[in-house]
C-alpha atoms as a PDB file:
ATOM      1  CA  MET A   1       0.437  -5.865 -24.734  1.00  0.00           C
ATOM      2  CA  ASN A   2       0.043  -5.958 -21.329  1.00  0.00           C
ATOM      3  CA  LYS A   3       2.457  -7.690 -19.001  1.00  0.00           C
ATOM      4  CA  PRO A   4       1.071 -11.012 -17.142  1.00  0.00           C
ATOM      5  CA  VAL A   5       0.417 -10.339 -13.478  1.00  0.00           C
ATOM      6  CA  GLU A   6       2.762 -12.489 -11.372  1.00  0.00           C
ATOM      7  CA  ALA A   7       0.851 -15.166  -8.971  1.00  0.00           C
ATOM      8  CA  LEU A   8       1.046 -14.045  -5.227  1.00  0.00           C
ATOM      9  CA  PRO A   9       3.444 -16.227  -2.876  1.00  0.00           C
ATOM     10  CA  VAL A  10       2.218 -18.470  -0.242  1.00  0.00           C
ATOM     11  CA  LEU A  11       1.695 -16.559   2.822  1.00  0.00           C
ATOM     12  CA  SER A  12       3.896 -17.826   6.153  1.00  0.00           C
ATOM     13  CA  ASP A  13       2.258 -19.948   9.081  1.00  0.00           C
ATOM     14  CA  GLN A  14       3.876 -16.767  11.411  1.00  0.00           C
ATOM     15  CA  LEU A  15       1.267 -14.349   9.866  1.00  0.00           C
ATOM     16  CA  LYS A  16      -1.222 -13.179  12.754  1.00  0.00           C
ATOM     17  CA  ILE A  17      -4.338 -11.184  12.402  1.00  0.00           C
ATOM     18  CA  ARG A  18      -5.913  -9.567  15.198  1.00  0.00           C
ATOM     19  CA  SER A  19      -9.597  -8.130  15.376  1.00  0.00           C
ATOM     20  CA  LEU A  20      -9.578  -4.680  17.720  1.00  0.00           C
ATOM     21  CA  GLU A  21     -11.234  -1.132  17.987  1.00  0.00           C
ATOM     22  CA  VAL A  22      -9.528   1.980  17.708  1.00  0.00           C
ATOM     23  CA  LYS A  23     -11.089   5.186  18.374  1.00  0.00           C
ATOM     24  CA  GLY A  24     -12.449   7.824  15.887  1.00  0.00           C
ATOM     25  CA  ALA A  25     -13.393  11.010  15.828  1.00  0.00           C
ATOM     26  CA  GLU A  26     -16.576  10.534  17.413  1.00  0.00           C
ATOM     27  CA  GLY A  27     -16.484   6.751  18.314  1.00  0.00           C
ATOM     28  CA  PRO A  28     -14.865   3.604  18.428  1.00  0.00           C
ATOM     29  CA  LEU A  29     -14.222   1.934  14.569  1.00  0.00           C
ATOM     30  CA  ALA A  30     -13.465  -1.479  13.618  1.00  0.00           C
ATOM     31  CA  ALA A  31      -9.701  -2.272  13.234  1.00  0.00           C
ATOM     32  CA  ARG A  32      -7.176  -5.382  12.043  1.00  0.00           C
ATOM     33  CA  LEU A  33      -3.933  -5.390  13.038  1.00  0.00           C
ATOM     34  CA  TYR A  34      -1.701  -7.629  11.095  1.00  0.00           C
ATOM     35  CA  THR A  35       1.740  -8.853  12.260  1.00  0.00           C
ATOM     36  CA  SER A  36       3.949 -11.661  10.792  1.00  0.00           C
ATOM     37  CA  GLY A  37       7.433 -13.128  12.473  1.00  0.00           C
ATOM     38  CA  ASP A  38       8.361 -13.244  15.868  1.00  0.00           C
ATOM     39  CA  ALA A  39       4.878 -12.681  17.809  1.00  0.00           C
ATOM     40  CA  GLY A  40       6.577 -11.443  20.831  1.00  0.00           C
ATOM     41  CA  ALA A  41       9.081  -8.828  19.700  1.00  0.00           C
ATOM     42  CA  LYS A  42       7.579  -5.196  19.674  1.00  0.00           C
ATOM     43  CA  ARG A  43       8.121  -3.568  16.196  1.00  0.00           C
ATOM     44  CA  ASP A  44       9.490  -0.118  15.256  1.00  0.00           C
ATOM     45  CA  MET A  45       7.394   0.752  12.803  1.00  0.00           C
ATOM     46  CA  LEU A  46       3.610   0.926  12.536  1.00  0.00           C
ATOM     47  CA  LEU A  47       1.943   1.504   9.123  1.00  0.00           C
ATOM     48  CA  VAL A  48      -1.823   2.678   9.785  1.00  0.00           C
ATOM     49  CA  PHE A  49      -3.769   1.589   6.213  1.00  0.00           C
ATOM     50  CA  PHE A  50      -7.107   3.056   5.081  1.00  0.00           C
ATOM     51  CA  HIS A  51      -9.270   0.898   2.313  1.00  0.00           C
ATOM     52  CA  ALA A  52     -10.550   1.776  -0.666  1.00  0.00           C
ATOM     53  CA  GLY A  53     -14.404   2.365  -1.802  1.00  0.00           C
ATOM     54  CA  GLY A  54     -14.725   6.042  -3.205  1.00  0.00           C
ATOM     55  CA  PHE A  55     -15.438   7.262   0.139  1.00  0.00           C
ATOM     56  CA  VAL A  56     -19.047   5.949   0.088  1.00  0.00           C
ATOM     57  CA  GLY A  57     -18.278   1.979   0.180  1.00  0.00           C
ATOM     58  CA  GLY A  58     -15.685  -0.433   0.967  1.00  0.00           C
ATOM     59  CA  ASP A  59     -14.705  -1.956   4.327  1.00  0.00           C
ATOM     60  CA  LEU A  60     -11.886  -3.923   6.278  1.00  0.00           C
ATOM     61  CA  GLU A  61     -12.226  -7.031   4.108  1.00  0.00           C
ATOM     62  CA  ASP A  62     -11.788  -5.068   0.910  1.00  0.00           C
ATOM     63  CA  ALA A  63      -7.844  -4.880   1.476  1.00  0.00           C
ATOM     64  CA  ASP A  64      -7.330  -7.904   3.498  1.00  0.00           C
ATOM     65  CA  MET A  65      -5.592  -9.908   1.318  1.00  0.00           C
ATOM     66  CA  PHE A  66      -3.027  -7.141   0.353  1.00  0.00           C
ATOM     67  CA  LEU A  67      -2.166  -6.277   3.917  1.00  0.00           C
ATOM     68  CA  ARG A  68      -1.774 -10.204   4.396  1.00  0.00           C
ATOM     69  CA  HIS A  69       1.066 -10.034   2.115  1.00  0.00           C
ATOM     70  CA  LEU A  70       2.227  -6.430   2.986  1.00  0.00           C
ATOM     71  CA  ALA A  71       2.603  -7.452   6.932  1.00  0.00           C
ATOM     72  CA  ASP A  72       4.202 -10.742   5.477  1.00  0.00           C
ATOM     73  CA  ASP A  73       6.800  -9.310   3.323  1.00  0.00           C
ATOM     74  CA  SER A  74       7.530  -6.802   6.048  1.00  0.00           C
ATOM     75  CA  GLN A  75       7.657  -8.681   8.901  1.00  0.00           C
ATOM     76  CA  HIS A  76       9.222  -6.326  11.198  1.00  0.00           C
ATOM     77  CA  VAL A  77       6.591  -3.671  10.380  1.00  0.00           C
ATOM     78  CA  ALA A  78       2.972  -3.974  12.506  1.00  0.00           C
ATOM     79  CA  VAL A  79      -0.060  -2.927   9.876  1.00  0.00           C
ATOM     80  CA  LEU A  80      -2.984  -1.699  11.293  1.00  0.00           C
ATOM     81  CA  ALA A  81      -6.013  -1.425   9.093  1.00  0.00           C
ATOM     82  CA  SER A  82      -8.575   1.132  10.185  1.00  0.00           C
ATOM     83  CA  ALA A  83     -12.477   1.545   9.228  1.00  0.00           C
ATOM     84  CA  TYR A  84     -13.793   5.169   8.952  1.00  0.00           C
ATOM     85  CA  THR A  85     -17.214   6.828   8.504  1.00  0.00           C
ATOM     86  CA  LEU A  86     -18.314   6.451   5.411  1.00  0.00           C
ATOM     87  CA  ALA A  87     -20.093   9.318   3.173  1.00  0.00           C
ATOM     88  CA  THR A  88     -23.356   7.237   3.219  1.00  0.00           C
ATOM     89  CA  GLU A  89     -23.443   8.164   7.132  1.00  0.00           C
ATOM     90  CA  LYS A  90     -21.806  11.428   6.855  1.00  0.00           C
ATOM     91  CA  PRO A  91     -19.674  13.212   3.951  1.00  0.00           C
ATOM     92  CA  PHE A  92     -16.524  15.360   4.348  1.00  0.00           C
ATOM     93  CA  PRO A  93     -14.731  15.938   6.956  1.00  0.00           C
ATOM     94  CA  ALA A  94     -15.793  13.047   9.128  1.00  0.00           C
ATOM     95  CA  ALA A  95     -13.768  10.608   7.319  1.00  0.00           C
ATOM     96  CA  VAL A  96     -10.514  12.554   7.807  1.00  0.00           C
ATOM     97  CA  GLU A  97     -11.337  13.671  10.909  1.00  0.00           C
ATOM     98  CA  ASP A  98     -11.679   9.819  11.793  1.00  0.00           C
ATOM     99  CA  ALA A  99      -8.391   8.838   9.929  1.00  0.00           C
ATOM    100  CA  HIS A 100      -6.257  11.525  12.035  1.00  0.00           C
ATOM    101  CA  ALA A 101      -7.952  10.951  15.089  1.00  0.00           C
ATOM    102  CA  VAL A 102      -6.897   7.035  14.695  1.00  0.00           C
ATOM    103  CA  LEU A 103      -3.117   7.977  14.226  1.00  0.00           C
ATOM    104  CA  VAL A 104      -3.540   9.670  17.832  1.00  0.00           C
ATOM    105  CA  TRP A 105      -5.282   6.624  19.146  1.00  0.00           C
ATOM    106  CA  ALA A 106      -2.496   4.569  18.047  1.00  0.00           C
ATOM    107  CA  LYS A 107       0.163   6.907  19.364  1.00  0.00           C
ATOM    108  CA  LYS A 108      -1.379   6.508  22.871  1.00  0.00           C
ATOM    109  CA  ASN A 109      -1.677   2.834  22.376  1.00  0.00           C
ATOM    110  CA  LYS A 110       1.579   1.728  21.422  1.00  0.00           C
ATOM    111  CA  ALA A 111       1.290  -1.433  24.087  1.00  0.00           C
ATOM    112  CA  LYS A 112      -1.941  -2.741  22.398  1.00  0.00           C
ATOM    113  CA  LEU A 113      -0.251  -2.826  18.936  1.00  0.00           C
ATOM    114  CA  GLY A 114       2.902  -4.093  19.940  1.00  0.00           C
ATOM    115  CA  TRP A 115       4.981  -1.125  18.749  1.00  0.00           C
ATOM    116  CA  THR A 116       7.911   1.085  20.152  1.00  0.00           C
ATOM    117  CA  GLY A 117       6.567   3.998  18.802  1.00  0.00           C
ATOM    118  CA  LYS A 118       9.444   5.085  16.642  1.00  0.00           C
ATOM    119  CA  GLN A 119       8.313   5.305  13.180  1.00  0.00           C
ATOM    120  CA  LEU A 120       4.792   5.898  12.079  1.00  0.00           C
ATOM    121  CA  LEU A 121       3.447   5.686   8.320  1.00  0.00           C
ATOM    122  CA  VAL A 122       0.260   6.263   6.634  1.00  0.00           C
ATOM    123  CA  ALA A 123      -1.078   4.640   3.634  1.00  0.00           C
ATOM    124  CA  GLY A 124      -4.229   4.157   1.839  1.00  0.00           C
ATOM    125  CA  ILE A 125      -5.466   2.718  -1.578  1.00  0.00           C
ATOM    126  CA  GLU A 126      -7.920   4.998  -3.788  1.00  0.00           C
ATOM    127  CA  ALA A 127     -10.046   6.973  -1.460  1.00  0.00           C
ATOM    128  CA  GLY A 128      -8.215   5.577   1.139  1.00  0.00           C
ATOM    129  CA  ALA A 129      -5.080   7.142  -0.307  1.00  0.00           C
ATOM    130  CA  ASN A 130      -6.561  10.222  -0.263  1.00  0.00           C
ATOM    131  CA  LEU A 131      -7.212  10.052   3.611  1.00  0.00           C
ATOM    132  CA  ALA A 132      -3.363   9.464   4.079  1.00  0.00           C
ATOM    133  CA  ALA A 133      -2.431  11.859   2.141  1.00  0.00           C
ATOM    134  CA  VAL A 134      -4.463  14.231   4.034  1.00  0.00           C
ATOM    135  CA  CYS A 135      -3.290  13.040   7.326  1.00  0.00           C
ATOM    136  CA  ALA A 136      -0.158  13.907   6.252  1.00  0.00           C
ATOM    137  CA  LEU A 137      -1.414  17.696   5.764  1.00  0.00           C
ATOM    138  CA  MET A 138      -3.187  17.265   9.304  1.00  0.00           C
ATOM    139  CA  SER A 139      -0.416  15.850  11.250  1.00  0.00           C
ATOM    140  CA  ARG A 140       1.778  18.441   9.980  1.00  0.00           C
ATOM    141  CA  ASP A 141      -0.764  21.532  10.614  1.00  0.00           C
ATOM    142  CA  ARG A 142      -1.719  20.050  14.121  1.00  0.00           C
ATOM    143  CA  GLY A 143       1.635  19.193  15.546  1.00  0.00           C
ATOM    144  CA  GLY A 144       1.598  15.182  15.058  1.00  0.00           C
ATOM    145  CA  PRO A 145       1.738  12.613  15.419  1.00  0.00           C
ATOM    146  CA  ALA A 146       4.649  12.664  13.289  1.00  0.00           C
ATOM    147  CA  LEU A 147       5.115  10.789  10.457  1.00  0.00           C
ATOM    148  CA  THR A 148       7.554   8.911   9.187  1.00  0.00           C
ATOM    149  CA  GLY A 149       6.075   8.185   5.609  1.00  0.00           C
ATOM    150  CA  GLN A 150       3.056   8.331   3.415  1.00  0.00           C
ATOM    151  CA  VAL A 151       2.018   5.403   0.810  1.00  0.00           C
ATOM    152  CA  LEU A 152      -0.401   6.532  -1.607  1.00  0.00           C
ATOM    153  CA  VAL A 153      -1.696   3.457  -3.821  1.00  0.00           C
ATOM    154  CA  MET A 154      -4.051   4.876  -7.190  1.00  0.00           C
ATOM    155  CA  PRO A 155      -4.905   7.809  -4.760  1.00  0.00           C
ATOM    156  CA  MET A 156      -8.129   9.661  -5.520  1.00  0.00           C
ATOM    157  CA  LEU A 157      -7.008  13.269  -5.258  1.00  0.00           C
ATOM    158  CA  ASP A 158      -9.173  15.530  -7.784  1.00  0.00           C
ATOM    159  CA  PRO A 159     -12.729  15.817  -7.184  1.00  0.00           C
ATOM    160  CA  GLY A 160     -12.576  18.081  -9.986  1.00  0.00           C
ATOM    161  CA  LEU A 161     -11.997  15.182 -12.393  1.00  0.00           C
ATOM    162  CA  THR A 162      -9.871  17.445 -14.708  1.00  0.00           C
ATOM    163  CA  THR A 163      -7.004  15.628 -15.248  1.00  0.00           C
ATOM    164  CA  CYS A 164      -5.764  14.113 -18.715  1.00  0.00           C
ATOM    165  CA  SER A 165      -6.148  10.605 -17.573  1.00  0.00           C
ATOM    166  CA  MET A 166      -9.399  10.860 -16.478  1.00  0.00           C
ATOM    167  CA  ARG A 167     -11.030  12.657 -19.447  1.00  0.00           C
ATOM    168  CA  GLU A 168      -9.184  10.809 -22.467  1.00  0.00           C
ATOM    169  CA  MET A 169      -9.504   6.892 -21.346  1.00  0.00           C
ATOM    170  CA  GLN A 170     -12.713   6.441 -23.658  1.00  0.00           C
ATOM    171  CA  CYS A 171     -12.847   2.252 -23.378  1.00  0.00           C
ATOM    172  CA  ALA A 172     -16.235   1.817 -21.735  1.00  0.00           C
ATOM    173  CA  GLU A 173     -14.679  -0.049 -18.794  1.00  0.00           C
ATOM    174  CA  LEU A 174     -12.449   3.004 -17.858  1.00  0.00           C
ATOM    175  CA  LEU A 175     -15.492   5.269 -18.438  1.00  0.00           C
ATOM    176  CA  GLU A 176     -17.426   3.235 -15.869  1.00  0.00           C
ATOM    177  CA  VAL A 177     -14.542   3.930 -13.332  1.00  0.00           C
ATOM    178  CA  ALA A 178     -15.025   7.641 -13.811  1.00  0.00           C
ATOM    179  CA  ASP A 179     -18.167   7.341 -13.589  1.00  0.00           C
ATOM    180  CA  GLN A 180     -18.078   5.815 -10.381  1.00  0.00           C
ATOM    181  CA  CYS A 181     -15.594   8.409  -9.316  1.00  0.00           C
ATOM    182  CA  ALA A 182     -17.794  11.300  -9.714  1.00  0.00           C
ATOM    183  CA  GLN A 183     -20.742   9.510  -8.263  1.00  0.00           C
ATOM    184  CA  ALA A 184     -18.263   9.221  -4.905  1.00  0.00           C
ATOM    185  CA  TYR A 185     -17.399  12.595  -4.809  1.00  0.00           C
ATOM    186  CA  ARG A 186     -20.869  13.735  -4.974  1.00  0.00           C
ATOM    187  CA  GLY A 187     -21.779  11.749  -2.049  1.00  0.00           C
ATOM    188  CA  TYR A 188     -18.423  12.426  -0.353  1.00  0.00           C
ATOM    189  CA  LEU A 189     -18.530  16.556  -1.116  1.00  0.00           C
ATOM    190  CA  PRO A 190     -22.355  17.610  -1.393  1.00  0.00           C
ATOM    191  CA  ASN A 191     -21.225  21.040  -0.389  1.00  0.00           C
ATOM    192  CA  ALA A 192     -19.425  22.152  -3.828  1.00  0.00           C
ATOM    193  CA  ALA A 193     -17.323  24.470  -1.834  1.00  0.00           C
ATOM    194  CA  ASP A 194     -15.569  21.817  -0.054  1.00  0.00           C
ATOM    195  CA  ARG A 195     -13.978  20.523  -3.209  1.00  0.00           C
ATOM    196  CA  THR A 196     -10.971  22.801  -3.142  1.00  0.00           C
ATOM    197  CA  HIS A 197     -10.691  22.614   0.437  1.00  0.00           C
ATOM    198  CA  PRO A 198      -6.979  20.895   0.728  1.00  0.00           C
ATOM    199  CA  TYR A 199      -8.254  18.253   3.610  1.00  0.00           C
ATOM    200  CA  ALA A 200     -10.502  17.067   0.742  1.00  0.00           C
ATOM    201  CA  SER A 201      -8.441  17.475  -2.442  1.00  0.00           C
ATOM    202  CA  PRO A 202      -4.770  17.433  -1.453  1.00  0.00           C
ATOM    203  CA  LEU A 203      -3.752  18.135  -5.392  1.00  0.00           C
ATOM    204  CA  GLN A 204      -5.420  21.701  -4.888  1.00  0.00           C
ATOM    205  CA  SER A 205      -3.563  22.398  -1.700  1.00  0.00           C
ATOM    206  CA  SER A 206      -0.539  25.321  -1.949  1.00  0.00           C
ATOM    207  CA  ARG A 207       1.322  24.404   1.332  1.00  0.00           C
ATOM    208  CA  LEU A 208       2.875  21.183   0.634  1.00  0.00           C
ATOM    209  CA  LYS A 209       6.341  21.613   2.158  1.00  0.00           C
ATOM    210  CA  ASN A 210       7.045  20.308   5.575  1.00  0.00           C
ATOM    211  CA  LEU A 211       5.659  16.602   4.577  1.00  0.00           C
ATOM    212  CA  PRO A 212       6.921  13.244   5.322  1.00  0.00           C
ATOM    213  CA  PRO A 213       8.682  11.487   2.468  1.00  0.00           C
ATOM    214  CA  ALA A 214       5.996   9.803  -0.259  1.00  0.00           C
ATOM    215  CA  LEU A 215       5.923   6.539  -2.221  1.00  0.00           C
ATOM    216  CA  ILE A 216       3.077   7.309  -4.898  1.00  0.00           C
ATOM    217  CA  LEU A 217       2.050   4.283  -6.980  1.00  0.00           C
ATOM    218  CA  SER A 218      -0.370   4.586 -10.053  1.00  0.00           C
ATOM    219  CA  THR A 219      -0.927   2.254 -13.051  1.00  0.00           C
ATOM    220  CA  GLU A 220      -0.722   2.848 -16.701  1.00  0.00           C
ATOM    221  CA  ASP A 221      -4.297   2.381 -17.375  1.00  0.00           C
ATOM    222  CA  ASP A 222      -6.160   4.272 -14.695  1.00  0.00           C
ATOM    223  CA  PRO A 223      -8.169   7.483 -14.906  1.00  0.00           C
ATOM    224  CA  LEU A 224      -6.372   8.189 -11.396  1.00  0.00           C
ATOM    225  CA  ARG A 225      -2.913   8.005 -12.853  1.00  0.00           C
ATOM    226  CA  ASP A 226      -2.407  11.721 -13.769  1.00  0.00           C
ATOM    227  CA  GLU A 227      -3.628  12.978 -10.275  1.00  0.00           C
ATOM    228  CA  ALA A 228      -1.323  10.802  -8.420  1.00  0.00           C
ATOM    229  CA  GLU A 229       1.457  11.747 -10.820  1.00  0.00           C
ATOM    230  CA  GLN A 230       1.301  15.365 -10.494  1.00  0.00           C
ATOM    231  CA  TYR A 231       0.832  15.386  -6.561  1.00  0.00           C
ATOM    232  CA  GLY A 232       3.738  13.794  -6.714  1.00  0.00           C
ATOM    233  CA  ALA A 233       5.359  16.299  -8.876  1.00  0.00           C
ATOM    234  CA  LYS A 234       4.121  18.893  -6.768  1.00  0.00           C
ATOM    235  CA  LEU A 235       5.505  17.285  -3.718  1.00  0.00           C
ATOM    236  CA  ILE A 236       8.781  16.998  -5.254  1.00  0.00           C
ATOM    237  CA  SER A 237       8.702  20.810  -6.000  1.00  0.00           C
ATOM    238  CA  CYS A 238       7.868  21.657  -2.469  1.00  0.00           C
ATOM    239  CA  GLY A 239      11.046  19.347  -1.513  1.00  0.00           C
ATOM    240  CA  VAL A 240       9.430  16.685  -0.147  1.00  0.00           C
ATOM    241  CA  LYS A 241      11.390  13.463  -0.678  1.00  0.00           C
ATOM    242  CA  THR A 242       9.051  11.521  -2.823  1.00  0.00           C
ATOM    243  CA  THR A 243       9.282   8.616  -5.346  1.00  0.00           C
ATOM    244  CA  VAL A 244       6.323   8.075  -8.016  1.00  0.00           C
ATOM    245  CA  ARG A 245       6.047   4.792  -9.651  1.00  0.00           C
ATOM    246  CA  ARG A 246       3.620   3.988 -12.498  1.00  0.00           C
ATOM    247  CA  MET A 247       3.126   0.134 -12.492  1.00  0.00           C
ATOM    248  CA  GLN A 248       1.953  -1.886 -15.310  1.00  0.00           C
ATOM    249  CA  PRO A 249      -1.859  -2.242 -16.686  1.00  0.00           C
ATOM    250  CA  ALA A 250      -4.179  -4.105 -15.010  1.00  0.00           C
ATOM    251  CA  PRO A 251      -8.019  -4.568 -15.321  1.00  0.00           C
ATOM    252  CA  LEU A 252     -10.182  -1.872 -13.018  1.00  0.00           C
ATOM    253  CA  ASN A 253     -13.791  -2.677 -13.989  1.00  0.00           C
ATOM    254  CA  ASP A 254     -14.727  -3.931 -10.718  1.00  0.00           C
ATOM    255  CA  ALA A 255     -14.987  -2.542  -7.299  1.00  0.00           C
ATOM    256  CA  GLY A 256     -11.931  -4.484  -5.750  1.00  0.00           C
ATOM    257  CA  ALA A 257     -10.208  -3.900  -8.670  1.00  0.00           C
ATOM    258  CA  ARG A 258      -7.342  -1.692  -7.156  1.00  0.00           C
ATOM    259  CA  ASN A 259      -6.874  -3.881  -4.388  1.00  0.00           C
ATOM    260  CA  GLU A 260      -6.548  -6.889  -6.678  1.00  0.00           C
ATOM    261  CA  CYS A 261      -4.050  -4.992  -8.848  1.00  0.00           C
ATOM    262  CA  ALA A 262      -1.942  -3.495  -5.935  1.00  0.00           C
ATOM    263  CA  CYS A 263      -1.704  -7.339  -4.731  1.00  0.00           C
ATOM    264  CA  ARG A 264      -0.649  -8.545  -8.281  1.00  0.00           C
ATOM    265  CA  CYS A 265       1.435  -5.685  -9.883  1.00  0.00           C
ATOM    266  CA  GLN A 266       4.496  -4.737  -8.335  1.00  0.00           C
ATOM    267  CA  ALA A 267       3.115  -2.222  -5.276  1.00  0.00           C
ATOM    268  CA  LEU A 268       4.277  -4.720  -2.673  1.00  0.00           C
ATOM    269  CA  GLY A 269       7.727  -4.730  -3.760  1.00  0.00           C
ATOM    270  CA  GLU A 270       7.727  -1.278  -4.032  1.00  0.00           C
ATOM    271  CA  ILE A 271       6.008  -0.432  -0.565  1.00  0.00           C
ATOM    272  CA  ALA A 272       8.612  -2.785   0.740  1.00  0.00           C
ATOM    273  CA  SER A 273      11.526  -1.277  -1.025  1.00  0.00           C
ATOM    274  CA  PHE A 274      10.441   2.430   0.270  1.00  0.00           C
ATOM    275  CA  ILE A 275       9.824   1.070   4.132  1.00  0.00           C
ATOM    276  CA  ALA A 276      13.455  -0.175   3.835  1.00  0.00           C
ATOM    277  CA  GLY A 277      14.679   3.400   2.481  1.00  0.00           C
ATOM    278  CA  LEU A 278      12.986   4.803   5.469  1.00  0.00           C
ATOM    279  CA  GLU A 279      14.707   2.325   8.197  1.00  0.00           C
ATOM    280  CA  ARG A 280      18.185   3.361   6.616  1.00  0.00           C
ATOM    281  CA  SER A 281      17.219   6.950   6.858  1.00  0.00           C
ATOM    282  CA  GLU A 282      18.183   9.168  10.124  1.00  0.00           C
ATOM    283  CA  THR A 283      14.232  10.320  10.299  1.00  0.00           C
ATOM    284  CA  PRO A 284      13.655  11.116  13.985  1.00  0.00           C
ATOM    285  CA  PRO A 285      11.445   9.350  15.792  1.00  0.00           C
ATOM    286  CA  ALA A 286       7.638  10.349  15.618  1.00  0.00           C
ATOM    287  CA  ALA A 287       6.676  12.456  18.911  1.00  0.00           C
END
């Protein structure tokens, strides 16, 4: 029997949300900055977040409630949510190039974000979690910006859709989710050769050393569960400090379900704990 999801706490009146533009690989992108607590204080930590939508849809509005609660729960962290080029406009690698460009822009524009530049995290849900994982690879390969951590919530990491959880979950709603994943990858990776590229499928990468600490969250009845947990195991085997958590089941039969699940399951608490652990560690400042 599924555990009931908890009601969300009331947001504080200190929460601030500001719309702005960031710089992607080829032009400006819409973004939102979420902060809570003392409005005049500079934050030592910036978390850059990428939304879900299977690479072909989604926007900043989808995860808005999740990010409001994330910022309110960790008032010493600034949260920057950025759009990216959807595959309906331009397929891979446009989205990942945008995502990495946003990190570079953020590092150069600390003052606009009320950020000291000390610690930089990358995060996302579903397709956005793929981009977050790839940003960690790109930042390592391209010499920066250095990342303090990565948070991958129910990530899409396997274009081959080969895991047991993807193949074996046979109820109608979950089959629909699996079909949506397949359709999304057809749009994002129209060139079949790209499906094994590590910047498209981090799970296929053979070079996972020297990456920042990771928090990887899956859910019991999500077809994406196994690829998330396999990626966590691969990171651990490569010496990357990694926390993998399987959250309680939650309905996943509509486009915004993973955002809702992340809000109402234990994702917010897990992320807050992960951030607190990073702050206690002696991770060097982002270069």
